[in-house]
Protein backbone atom coordinates (compact mmCIF):
# COMPACT_ATOMS: atom_id res chain seq x y z
CA MET A 1 101.44 95.21 124.58
CA THR A 2 101.72 95.59 128.34
CA ALA A 3 99.34 93.87 130.74
CA HIS A 4 97.31 97.01 131.37
CA ALA A 5 97.22 97.96 127.67
CA SER A 6 94.83 95.09 126.95
CA HIS A 7 92.24 96.80 129.16
CA ILE A 8 92.22 100.05 127.21
CA VAL A 9 89.97 98.50 124.57
CA LEU A 10 87.26 98.24 127.24
CA LEU A 11 86.97 102.04 127.54
CA LEU A 12 83.68 103.13 126.02
CA VAL A 13 83.69 106.71 127.28
CA PRO A 14 84.84 109.50 124.99
CA THR A 15 88.59 109.91 125.41
CA GLY A 16 90.87 112.64 124.14
CA VAL A 17 94.62 112.49 123.70
CA ALA A 18 96.68 115.53 122.65
CA GLU A 19 100.41 115.69 121.87
CA GLY A 20 102.97 117.38 119.69
CA GLU A 21 103.83 115.50 116.50
CA ARG A 22 107.47 114.84 117.46
CA HIS A 23 106.48 112.52 120.33
CA VAL A 24 103.19 111.07 119.19
CA ALA A 25 103.92 107.33 118.74
CA GLN A 26 102.65 106.22 122.17
CA GLN A 27 99.56 108.42 121.88
CA GLN A 28 98.82 107.02 118.41
CA PHE A 29 98.94 103.53 119.88
CA MET A 30 96.56 104.50 122.71
CA ALA A 31 94.18 106.22 120.28
CA SER A 32 94.16 103.15 118.03
CA GLN A 33 93.28 100.89 120.98
CA ILE A 34 90.50 102.95 122.61
CA PRO A 35 87.29 102.59 120.60
CA THR A 36 86.05 106.12 121.36
CA CYS A 37 89.33 108.01 121.30
CA ARG A 38 90.14 111.17 119.40
CA LEU A 39 93.81 112.09 118.89
CA ALA A 40 94.77 115.75 118.47
CA VAL A 41 98.31 116.42 117.20
CA TYR A 42 100.00 119.81 117.18
CA PRO A 43 102.49 120.18 114.27
CA ARG A 44 106.22 120.81 114.76
CA VAL A 45 106.12 120.40 118.57
CA GLY A 46 107.32 117.68 120.91
CA HIS A 47 106.50 117.42 124.60
CA GLY A 48 105.17 120.54 126.27
CA SER A 49 102.57 121.53 123.71
CA ASN A 50 100.37 122.68 126.60
CA ILE A 51 103.06 125.19 127.62
CA LEU A 52 104.23 126.22 124.16
CA HIS A 53 100.73 126.48 122.67
CA PRO A 54 98.23 126.87 125.52
CA GLN A 55 95.51 128.38 123.30
CA TRP A 56 95.55 125.30 121.05
CA CYS A 57 95.35 123.03 124.09
CA VAL A 58 92.38 124.95 125.54
CA GLN A 59 90.55 124.92 122.20
CA THR A 60 91.26 121.21 121.74
CA LEU A 61 90.11 120.37 125.27
CA PHE A 62 86.94 122.42 124.78
CA ARG A 63 86.18 120.73 121.45
CA LEU A 64 86.77 117.26 122.89
CA THR A 65 84.61 118.07 125.94
CA VAL A 66 81.71 119.23 123.77
CA LEU A 67 82.00 116.13 121.60
CA ALA A 68 82.11 113.93 124.71
CA ALA A 69 78.96 115.59 126.08
CA VAL A 70 77.14 115.01 122.79
CA TRP A 71 78.33 111.39 122.69
CA LEU A 72 77.18 110.77 126.26
CA ALA A 73 73.78 112.35 125.57
CA LEU A 74 73.29 110.22 122.46
CA THR A 75 74.31 107.00 124.22
CA ALA A 76 71.87 107.83 127.02
CA LEU A 77 69.09 108.17 124.43
CA PHE A 78 70.24 105.26 122.27
CA PRO A 79 72.19 102.79 124.45
CA LEU A 80 74.65 100.45 122.78
CA PRO A 81 73.72 96.78 123.01
CA SER A 82 75.86 95.06 125.62
CA GLY A 83 79.09 93.67 124.26
CA ASN A 84 79.24 96.12 121.34
CA SER A 85 81.90 98.76 120.96
CA LEU A 86 81.80 101.96 118.98
CA GLN A 87 84.68 103.31 116.91
CA ALA A 88 84.44 107.08 117.24
CA ASP A 89 85.25 109.20 114.25
CA TYR A 90 84.30 112.62 115.52
C-alpha cells in the first residue's frame, strides 16, 4: 500500500469508481478500501469504457449521483457517531 493509500479509508463521502473489466484490479483495490465506495464494471472492455460505451457511463454516473444524494440526505438526518465508518452496499 502506498503512503497516500492509507488515507483512502478516511473517505466517508459516497464515492463511485467505474472501469472496464479488463483493467479493474486497481479500482477493485480502491473500492475495497473506501468505506462508502461503489464499483461499476463494464464487461468485456478495458480502458476507455467512457468512449466505447458512453451511455453506460452516463447511466452509471447518474445512478451513483442519485445514491450519493440519498446517502448525504440520510447522514444529515441521522449523523454517524464520530469515529464510526459505514460500509456502503448500495
